[in-house]
Amino acid sequence: MVDLQTRCNFTMKTVREIGVLWMWCFAIQIQLIQGVVKNYDESFASRCRNGWSRHGDSCYFLSKDVASWAEASMICTTLHSRLAVVESADENNFLKATARRFNAHSYLIAGTDMEVEGVWRWTATGDKISYLDWGGHDPNGGEYGNCVVMWRDFGYQWADESCHVARNFICEMSLDKTIFLSDPNYVQQRMTLLHRELQTLQATVLSQTGKMSSFKQHFSHSQNEIQSQNREIASIKQQLSEATPEIGGATFVRWGRKDCPTSLTELVYSGYAGGSWYNHKGAAASPLCLPRDPEWLNTTVVPDEDTGKLFGAEYASTNAHTMFGSNSRNKEVPCAVCRPKSFASSVMIPARTTCYNGWTKAYGGSLASGNHRNKAATEYVCMDEHPQPLAGGGNRNENGFLFYGVKAFCGSLRCPPYKQNTYISCVVCMK
């Protein structure tokens, strides 16, 4: 909406400015031609007009006023000339010397690469520029600098600068055209034609102004309709937001911690790890995260020996230190069940400390399982990199489900990339 309003305002402003500019240009032409008629002299045919400097077969006008590149081109055209086309070192040196006398900051000439970036042409002729006099490290303006200026800081060598910044400029007129303009009959005909064109232009500007006024009214009505529709859309979005449930998805267990990672997840419950006895042949493979507040079945069945058995879990190792912290051996293991708030799935990736592209890390740590010498089957889990002992838990060797670090063994396992006898990392990722 703001872009449309801006374009509308810009269009109306541009129409008015172009009309004013053309009328100003016509007025300049009329004043110049009237001056030519008034001051006509046969000797004028051998020299440039007042305020112009001759070099070779051309006359040059260095402006005192500033204009953008487009405005300067239009003004030079109004003066029956063009922005200067510099085709030789001799011509360039003459313009440098003349520019130093006036000492303006910079002068626009006819060179540009607006059509094809990096291909410099004279707009007056369409020819590629063959003679060049770049200064400093120019051209280096890229898409910003598309017009050639003679730059005072470079000793009036060339620089590529913005076409939209108002600068002084140099117009060039052939000496033949100057002689032609000194013919009073031609001048009188030209004045008559210009008066007619000025009247036509004034009528066109008035007509366009009326059309733009009508368009503005229509645009204002459309703008009100769009604002009303935007309010309806905002209301619908609010209703959808209130009706849409939270996106969260699958849960995961954070082993070795009683809390869930970061603000991206929420705690379902915390408790402590448990599982089968480490040396039972018929043991269940998976560890469990047991809640702290169990609820019991309402049954009259008396347990016998033909059951599965559930024990607590300990950090285990052959010495006092484990992969899960110093002096952690035989300490009980906490756990937390976590649910991602805005992720639909989670995965544990072994042998990685970071997630793959498109996934977000929940936590990382060390891969854990049972001891390969024990009879019970176990499952690989990811033990948090900052494991804690269970608060209030035991510190005795009571066994149960035992968590050991996991090391790589080469052979059927490819080495490299894996390394013999090296502990394996892990990471839990969400998406």
Protein backbone atom coordinates (compact mmCIF):
# COMPACT_ATOMS: atom_id res chain seq x y z
CA MET A 1 0.00 0.00 0.00
CA VAL A 2 2.78 2.44 0.91
CA ASP A 3 4.61 1.53 -2.33
CA LEU A 4 1.49 2.26 -4.43
CA GLN A 5 0.93 5.59 -2.69
CA THR A 6 4.59 6.51 -3.21
CA ARG A 7 4.44 5.60 -6.91
CA CYS A 8 1.26 7.63 -7.36
CA ASN A 9 2.74 10.69 -5.68
CA PHE A 10 5.97 10.25 -7.64
CA THR A 11 4.09 9.95 -10.95
CA MET A 12 2.09 13.12 -10.32
CA LYS A 13 5.17 14.99 -9.19
CA THR A 14 7.08 13.75 -12.27
CA VAL A 15 4.36 14.91 -14.69
CA ARG A 16 4.35 18.37 -13.14
CA GLU A 17 8.17 18.56 -13.07
CA ILE A 18 8.57 17.41 -16.68
CA GLY A 19 6.01 19.99 -17.82
CA VAL A 20 7.70 22.76 -15.87
CA LEU A 21 11.14 21.66 -17.09
CA TRP A 22 10.09 21.59 -20.75
CA MET A 23 8.43 24.98 -20.47
CA TRP A 24 11.58 26.29 -18.82
CA CYS A 25 13.67 24.82 -21.63
CA PHE A 26 11.43 26.41 -24.26
CA ALA A 27 11.72 29.73 -22.48
CA ILE A 28 15.52 29.41 -22.57
CA GLN A 29 15.38 28.67 -26.31
CA ILE A 30 13.21 31.66 -26.97
CA GLN A 31 15.46 33.96 -24.92
CA LEU A 32 18.58 32.64 -26.70
CA ILE A 33 17.04 32.98 -30.13
CA GLN A 34 15.80 36.49 -29.37
CA GLY A 35 19.35 37.33 -28.25
CA VAL A 36 20.73 35.93 -31.50
CA VAL A 37 18.33 38.04 -33.58
CA LYS A 38 19.07 41.16 -31.56
CA ASN A 39 22.83 40.75 -31.64
CA TYR A 40 23.15 39.31 -35.14
CA ASP A 41 26.48 40.10 -36.73
CA GLU A 42 28.02 38.65 -39.90
CA SER A 43 31.25 38.04 -37.99
CA PHE A 44 29.32 35.72 -35.62
CA ALA A 45 29.58 32.95 -38.24
CA SER A 46 33.29 32.47 -37.43
CA ARG A 47 33.04 32.15 -33.65
CA CYS A 48 31.09 30.48 -30.81
CA ARG A 49 28.19 32.11 -29.02
CA ASN A 50 28.82 34.17 -25.92
CA GLY A 51 29.70 31.98 -22.92
CA TRP A 52 30.90 29.11 -25.13
CA SER A 53 34.55 28.15 -25.76
CA ARG A 54 35.81 26.95 -29.12
CA HIS A 55 38.14 23.99 -29.67
CA GLY A 56 38.56 22.53 -33.14
CA ASP A 57 35.20 22.33 -34.86
CA SER A 58 33.16 22.39 -31.63
CA CYS A 59 31.96 24.91 -29.08
CA TYR A 60 31.72 23.96 -25.40
CA PHE A 61 29.59 25.33 -22.59
CA LEU A 62 30.56 24.63 -18.95
CA SER A 63 27.51 25.21 -16.75
CA LYS A 64 27.48 27.24 -13.57
CA ASP A 65 24.26 25.57 -12.41
CA VAL A 66 23.90 21.90 -11.44
CA ALA A 67 21.52 19.24 -12.75
CA SER A 68 21.12 15.48 -12.80
CA TRP A 69 22.40 13.58 -15.85
CA ALA A 70 18.90 13.39 -17.41
CA GLU A 71 18.22 17.07 -16.74
CA ALA A 72 21.63 18.09 -18.11
CA SER A 73 20.99 16.10 -21.31
CA MET A 74 17.66 17.88 -21.76
CA ILE A 75 19.16 21.31 -21.14
CA CYS A 76 21.97 20.68 -23.66
CA THR A 77 19.36 19.55 -26.21
CA THR A 78 17.42 22.75 -25.60
CA LEU A 79 20.61 24.68 -26.36
CA HIS A 80 20.87 22.79 -29.70
CA SER A 81 23.82 20.84 -28.35
CA ARG A 82 24.52 17.62 -26.48
CA LEU A 83 26.47 16.49 -23.44
CA ALA A 84 30.14 16.52 -24.42
CA VAL A 85 31.56 13.50 -26.30
CA VAL A 86 35.32 13.32 -25.65
CA GLU A 87 37.06 11.47 -28.49
CA SER A 88 40.75 12.36 -28.13
CA ALA A 89 43.43 13.29 -25.60
CA ASP A 90 43.68 16.75 -27.23
CA GLU A 91 39.95 17.41 -26.70
CA ASN A 92 40.13 15.95 -23.16
CA ASN A 93 43.09 18.15 -22.21
CA PHE A 94 41.27 21.25 -23.50
CA LEU A 95 38.24 20.43 -21.34
CA LYS A 96 40.47 19.77 -18.30
CA ALA A 97 42.16 23.16 -18.70
CA THR A 98 38.80 24.90 -19.12
CA ALA A 99 37.35 23.09 -16.11
CA ARG A 100 40.28 24.20 -13.94
CA ARG A 101 39.42 27.83 -14.72
CA PHE A 102 35.89 27.39 -13.42
CA ASN A 103 36.99 24.98 -10.63
CA ALA A 104 33.64 23.23 -10.13
CA HIS A 105 33.61 19.98 -8.11
CA SER A 106 32.75 17.81 -11.12
CA TYR A 107 31.31 17.97 -14.64
CA LEU A 108 28.92 15.48 -16.30
CA ILE A 109 29.75 14.38 -19.85
CA ALA A 110 27.86 12.02 -22.19
CA GLY A 111 29.42 8.67 -21.16
CA THR A 112 27.28 5.99 -19.42
CA ASP A 113 26.96 2.23 -18.90
CA MET A 114 23.25 2.29 -17.99
CA GLU A 115 22.35 -0.04 -20.88
CA VAL A 116 24.91 -2.78 -20.10
CA GLU A 117 26.90 -2.69 -16.85
CA GLY A 118 30.61 -2.19 -17.60
CA VAL A 119 30.10 -1.35 -21.31
CA TRP A 120 30.65 2.40 -21.59
CA ARG A 121 29.04 4.29 -24.51
CA TRP A 122 28.43 7.86 -25.64
CA THR A 123 24.66 8.34 -25.43
CA ALA A 124 24.74 11.06 -28.08
CA THR A 125 26.08 8.64 -30.72
CA GLY A 126 25.60 5.14 -29.25
CA ASP A 127 29.28 4.41 -29.94
CA LYS A 128 31.48 2.54 -27.45
CA ILE A 129 33.96 4.85 -25.76
CA SER A 130 37.39 4.33 -27.35
CA TYR A 131 39.36 7.09 -25.62
CA LEU A 132 39.37 6.71 -21.79
CA ASP A 133 40.87 8.81 -19.01
CA TRP A 134 39.80 7.10 -15.75
CA GLY A 135 41.31 8.46 -12.53
CA GLY A 136 41.99 6.77 -9.19
CA HIS A 137 40.61 3.22 -9.05
CA ASP A 138 37.61 4.02 -11.25
CA PRO A 139 35.40 2.74 -12.67
CA ASN A 140 34.37 1.08 -9.41
CA GLY A 141 30.80 2.26 -8.75
CA GLY A 142 29.07 -0.91 -10.01
CA GLU A 143 25.33 -0.47 -10.53
CA TYR A 144 25.44 2.74 -8.47
CA GLY A 145 27.90 4.62 -10.68
CA ASN A 146 26.59 4.66 -14.25
CA CYS A 147 27.57 8.12 -15.51
CA VAL A 148 30.99 9.61 -16.41
CA VAL A 149 32.04 12.81 -14.67
CA MET A 150 35.26 14.83 -14.85
CA TRP A 151 36.32 14.87 -11.17
CA ARG A 152 38.26 17.77 -9.65
CA ASP A 153 39.91 15.54 -7.00
CA PHE A 154 41.35 13.46 -9.86
CA GLY A 155 42.66 16.57 -11.70
CA TYR A 156 39.48 16.33 -13.81
CA GLN A 157 40.23 12.79 -14.91
CA TRP A 158 37.13 10.63 -15.20
CA ALA A 159 35.13 8.90 -12.46
CA ASP A 160 31.97 6.78 -12.53
CA GLU A 161 29.30 8.33 -10.31
CA SER A 162 25.54 8.30 -9.72
CA CYS A 163 23.43 9.69 -12.56
CA HIS A 164 20.88 11.10 -10.10
CA VAL A 165 23.16 13.51 -8.19
CA ALA A 166 23.01 17.11 -9.42
CA ARG A 167 26.37 18.28 -10.84
CA ASN A 168 27.79 20.84 -13.25
CA PHE A 169 27.84 19.65 -16.86
CA ILE A 170 29.49 20.31 -20.24
CA CYS A 171 27.48 20.83 -23.45
CA GLU A 172 29.07 20.47 -26.90
CA MET A 173 27.85 22.04 -30.17
CA SER A 174 29.35 21.71 -33.62
CA LEU A 175 30.55 24.98 -35.14
CA ASP A 176 28.29 24.32 -38.17
CA LYS A 177 25.20 24.44 -35.95
CA THR A 178 26.40 27.69 -34.39
CA ILE A 179 26.71 29.22 -37.90
CA PHE A 180 23.28 27.87 -38.82
CA LEU A 181 21.71 29.46 -35.75
CA SER A 182 23.13 32.87 -36.77
CA ASP A 183 20.72 32.95 -39.78
CA PRO A 184 17.95 35.42 -38.74
CA ASN A 185 15.35 33.80 -41.03
CA TYR A 186 15.89 30.41 -39.40
CA VAL A 187 15.80 32.00 -35.95
CA GLN A 188 12.45 33.71 -36.63
CA GLN A 189 10.95 30.45 -37.95
CA ARG A 190 12.26 28.61 -34.92
CA MET A 191 10.77 31.16 -32.53
CA THR A 192 7.33 30.81 -34.15
CA LEU A 193 7.51 27.01 -33.92
CA LEU A 194 8.63 27.13 -30.30
CA HIS A 195 5.73 29.38 -29.32
CA ARG A 196 3.32 26.88 -30.86
CA GLU A 197 4.99 23.94 -29.13
CA LEU A 198 4.95 25.81 -25.81
CA GLN A 199 1.19 26.41 -26.10
CA THR A 200 0.62 22.73 -26.97
CA LEU A 201 2.74 21.63 -24.03
CA GLN A 202 0.87 23.90 -21.63
CA ALA A 203 -2.43 22.38 -22.78
CA THR A 204 -1.02 18.84 -22.42
CA VAL A 205 0.21 19.52 -18.88
CA LEU A 206 -3.20 20.87 -17.86
CA SER A 207 -4.89 17.80 -19.36
CA GLN A 208 -2.50 15.39 -17.62
CA THR A 209 -2.97 17.24 -14.33
CA GLY A 210 -6.74 16.72 -14.62
CA LYS A 211 -6.30 13.02 -15.41
CA MET A 212 -3.93 12.57 -12.47
CA SER A 213 -6.40 14.30 -10.15
CA SER A 214 -9.09 11.84 -11.27
CA PHE A 215 -6.69 8.93 -10.83
CA LYS A 216 -5.82 10.14 -7.34
CA GLN A 217 -9.49 10.14 -6.34
CA HIS A 218 -9.92 6.61 -7.73
CA PHE A 219 -6.72 5.52 -5.98
CA SER A 220 -7.92 6.97 -2.67
CA HIS A 221 -11.15 4.95 -2.98
CA SER A 222 -9.15 1.78 -3.77
CA GLN A 223 -6.87 2.48 -0.84
CA ASN A 224 -9.84 2.59 1.53
CA GLU A 225 -11.08 -0.75 0.17
CA ILE A 226 -7.64 -2.35 0.60
CA GLN A 227 -7.36 -1.07 4.18
CA SER A 228 -10.76 -2.61 4.92
CA GLN A 229 -9.62 -5.93 3.41
CA ASN A 230 -6.40 -5.80 5.42
CA ARG A 231 -8.42 -5.43 8.61
CA GLU A 232 -10.49 -8.48 7.64
CA ILE A 233 -7.33 -10.48 6.91
CA ALA A 234 -5.82 -9.49 10.27
CA SER A 235 -9.00 -10.61 12.01
CA ILE A 236 -8.96 -13.98 10.20
CA LYS A 237 -5.27 -14.49 11.04
CA GLN A 238 -6.03 -13.79 14.70
CA GLN A 239 -8.86 -16.34 14.65
CA LEU A 240 -6.62 -18.93 12.99
CA SER A 241 -3.88 -18.26 15.52
CA GLU A 242 -6.29 -18.84 18.39
CA ALA A 243 -7.72 -21.98 16.79
CA THR A 244 -4.40 -23.59 15.78
CA PRO A 245 -2.91 -25.91 18.44
CA GLU A 246 0.77 -25.80 19.36
CA ILE A 247 2.91 -27.57 16.77
CA GLY A 248 5.05 -29.67 19.14
CA GLY A 249 5.67 -33.34 18.36
CA ALA A 250 7.43 -36.49 19.48
CA THR A 251 9.06 -36.68 22.92
CA PHE A 252 12.59 -37.75 23.81
CA VAL A 253 14.42 -38.74 27.02
CA ARG A 254 17.31 -36.70 28.32
CA TRP A 255 19.44 -39.27 30.16
CA GLY A 256 21.60 -38.10 33.07
CA ARG A 257 19.63 -34.91 33.73
CA LYS A 258 16.42 -34.01 35.57
CA ASP A 259 15.69 -30.97 33.38
CA CYS A 260 14.95 -30.35 29.70
CA PRO A 261 17.26 -28.33 27.41
CA THR A 262 16.72 -24.67 26.56
CA SER A 263 13.44 -22.84 26.11
CA LEU A 264 12.66 -24.87 22.98
CA THR A 265 11.28 -27.82 24.97
CA GLU A 266 8.97 -28.42 27.91
CA LEU A 267 9.32 -30.94 30.73
CA VAL A 268 6.77 -33.76 30.65
CA TYR A 269 8.19 -35.28 33.85
CA SER A 270 11.53 -36.00 35.53
CA GLY A 271 12.56 -39.13 37.37
CA TYR A 272 15.28 -41.73 37.43
CA ALA A 273 16.56 -44.39 35.08
CA GLY A 274 15.67 -48.05 35.56
CA GLY A 275 15.70 -51.32 33.67
CA SER A 276 16.54 -55.02 33.82
CA TRP A 277 19.36 -56.61 35.82
CA TYR A 278 22.55 -56.33 33.84
CA ASN A 279 23.27 -60.11 33.86
CA HIS A 280 19.81 -61.67 33.40
CA LYS A 281 19.46 -63.73 30.23
CA GLY A 282 15.86 -62.71 29.66
CA ALA A 283 16.39 -59.03 30.45
CA ALA A 284 14.51 -56.30 28.62
CA ALA A 285 16.83 -54.31 26.37
CA SER A 286 15.50 -50.77 26.80
CA PRO A 287 16.07 -48.58 29.86
CA LEU A 288 13.11 -46.68 31.28
CA CYS A 289 12.72 -43.18 32.68
CA LEU A 290 10.73 -43.90 35.84
CA PRO A 291 8.53 -41.16 37.37
CA ARG A 292 9.03 -40.13 40.97
CA ASP A 293 5.33 -40.56 41.84
CA PRO A 294 4.29 -44.08 40.72
CA GLU A 295 0.65 -45.16 40.75
CA TRP A 296 -0.21 -48.83 41.33
CA LEU A 297 -2.52 -51.31 39.65
CA ASN A 298 -5.68 -52.34 41.47
CA THR A 299 -5.23 -56.17 41.27
CA THR A 300 -5.46 -59.21 43.55
CA VAL A 301 -2.90 -61.28 41.57
CA VAL A 302 -0.03 -62.41 43.82
CA PRO A 303 3.36 -61.99 42.06
CA ASP A 304 5.47 -65.10 41.54
CA GLU A 305 8.91 -65.73 40.05
CA ASP A 306 7.67 -65.90 36.44
CA THR A 307 7.80 -62.15 35.82
CA GLY A 308 10.02 -59.54 34.36
CA LYS A 309 12.00 -57.55 36.91
CA LEU A 310 12.67 -53.82 37.17
CA PHE A 311 15.74 -52.36 38.88
CA GLY A 312 17.30 -48.97 39.25
CA ALA A 313 20.25 -47.87 37.12
CA GLU A 314 23.83 -46.80 37.89
CA TYR A 315 26.74 -45.18 36.11
CA ALA A 316 29.25 -48.03 35.67
CA SER A 317 32.97 -48.48 35.00
CA THR A 318 35.91 -50.61 36.12
CA ASN A 319 37.28 -47.64 38.10
CA ALA A 320 35.94 -44.69 40.02
CA HIS A 321 35.69 -42.47 36.93
CA THR A 322 33.24 -43.04 34.08
CA MET A 323 32.42 -41.24 30.86
CA PHE A 324 29.69 -39.60 32.91
CA GLY A 325 31.80 -37.57 35.34
CA SER A 326 34.54 -38.03 37.93
CA ASN A 327 33.66 -40.22 40.93
CA SER A 328 30.38 -41.12 39.24
CA ARG A 329 30.74 -44.91 39.48
CA ASN A 330 27.78 -46.65 41.18
CA LYS A 331 25.78 -43.39 41.42
CA GLU A 332 22.14 -43.55 40.37
CA VAL A 333 21.04 -41.91 37.10
CA PRO A 334 18.39 -39.16 36.75
CA CYS A 335 16.35 -38.63 33.58
CA ALA A 336 13.79 -36.26 32.08
CA VAL A 337 11.12 -36.78 29.41
CA CYS A 338 11.00 -33.70 27.15
CA ARG A 339 8.62 -32.46 24.45
CA PRO A 340 9.69 -29.98 21.75
CA LYS A 341 7.40 -26.92 21.72
CA SER A 342 7.66 -26.11 18.00
CA PHE A 343 9.26 -29.20 16.46
CA ALA A 344 7.36 -32.21 15.14
CA SER A 345 10.08 -34.86 15.47
CA SER A 346 13.34 -35.74 17.20
CA VAL A 347 16.20 -38.14 16.53
CA MET A 348 19.31 -39.36 18.34
CA ILE A 349 22.37 -39.30 16.07
CA PRO A 350 25.39 -41.33 17.26
CA ALA A 351 28.97 -40.18 16.62
CA ARG A 352 27.95 -36.53 16.15
CA THR A 353 28.25 -33.47 18.38
CA THR A 354 26.24 -31.21 16.03
CA CYS A 355 23.01 -31.63 14.06
CA TYR A 356 22.75 -31.74 10.29
CA ASN A 357 21.40 -28.74 8.36
CA GLY A 358 17.74 -28.04 9.03
CA TRP A 359 17.77 -29.64 12.50
CA THR A 360 18.07 -27.96 15.92
CA LYS A 361 20.20 -29.38 18.73
CA ALA A 362 18.34 -30.38 21.91
CA TYR A 363 21.37 -31.74 23.76
CA GLY A 364 24.57 -33.68 23.15
CA GLY A 365 26.71 -36.07 25.12
CA SER A 366 28.21 -39.60 25.18
CA LEU A 367 26.73 -42.77 23.70
CA ALA A 368 25.89 -45.26 26.48
CA SER A 369 24.89 -48.95 26.63
CA GLY A 370 25.45 -52.06 28.75
CA ASN A 371 28.81 -53.89 29.12
CA HIS A 372 29.50 -56.24 26.22
CA ARG A 373 30.57 -58.97 28.70
CA ASN A 374 27.22 -59.02 30.48
CA LYS A 375 24.37 -61.35 29.41
CA ALA A 376 21.51 -58.86 29.23
CA ALA A 377 20.81 -57.13 25.95
CA THR A 378 20.75 -53.34 26.11
CA GLU A 379 19.90 -50.37 23.94
CA TYR A 380 22.11 -47.44 22.93
CA VAL A 381 21.06 -44.15 24.50
CA CYS A 382 22.54 -40.64 24.53
CA MET A 383 23.80 -39.67 28.02
CA ASP A 384 23.91 -35.88 28.52
CA GLU A 385 27.33 -34.20 28.26
CA HIS A 386 26.79 -32.68 31.72
CA PRO A 387 25.37 -35.70 33.62
CA GLN A 388 24.26 -35.46 37.23
CA PRO A 389 23.87 -38.06 39.96
CA LEU A 390 20.32 -38.64 41.15
CA ALA A 391 19.58 -36.22 43.99
CA GLY A 392 19.10 -38.28 47.15
CA GLY A 393 20.06 -41.45 45.30
CA GLY A 394 22.34 -44.23 46.50
CA ASN A 395 26.09 -44.51 46.13
CA ARG A 396 26.52 -48.24 46.63
CA ASN A 397 27.27 -50.95 44.10
CA GLU A 398 23.74 -52.37 43.92
CA ASN A 399 23.90 -53.02 40.20
CA GLY A 400 20.63 -53.26 38.25
CA PHE A 401 20.68 -51.61 34.81
CA LEU A 402 24.26 -50.38 34.21
CA PHE A 403 25.25 -47.57 31.84
CA TYR A 404 28.75 -47.81 30.30
CA GLY A 405 30.47 -45.59 27.77
CA VAL A 406 30.64 -46.98 24.22
CA LYS A 407 33.94 -47.33 22.31
CA ALA A 408 34.61 -47.96 18.64
CA PHE A 409 36.24 -51.24 17.53
CA CYS A 410 37.62 -51.43 14.00
CA GLY A 411 37.03 -54.33 11.66
CA SER A 412 33.48 -54.50 10.40
CA LEU A 413 33.32 -50.87 11.58
CA ARG A 414 35.06 -48.67 9.02
CA CYS A 415 38.23 -47.00 10.32
CA PRO A 416 38.61 -44.27 9.18
CA PRO A 417 36.38 -42.41 9.61
CA TYR A 418 36.00 -44.10 13.02
CA LYS A 419 38.96 -44.57 15.41
CA GLN A 420 39.89 -47.69 17.34
CA ASN A 421 39.18 -47.67 21.11
CA THR A 422 37.69 -44.13 21.00
CA TYR A 423 34.54 -43.14 22.94
CA ILE A 424 31.52 -42.32 20.78
CA SER A 425 29.65 -39.01 21.03
CA CYS A 426 25.96 -38.44 20.37
CA VAL A 427 23.45 -35.63 19.82
CA VAL A 428 19.65 -35.37 20.00
CA CYS A 429 18.19 -33.17 17.26
CA MET A 430 14.71 -31.70 16.62
CA LYS A 431 12.84 -30.60 13.51
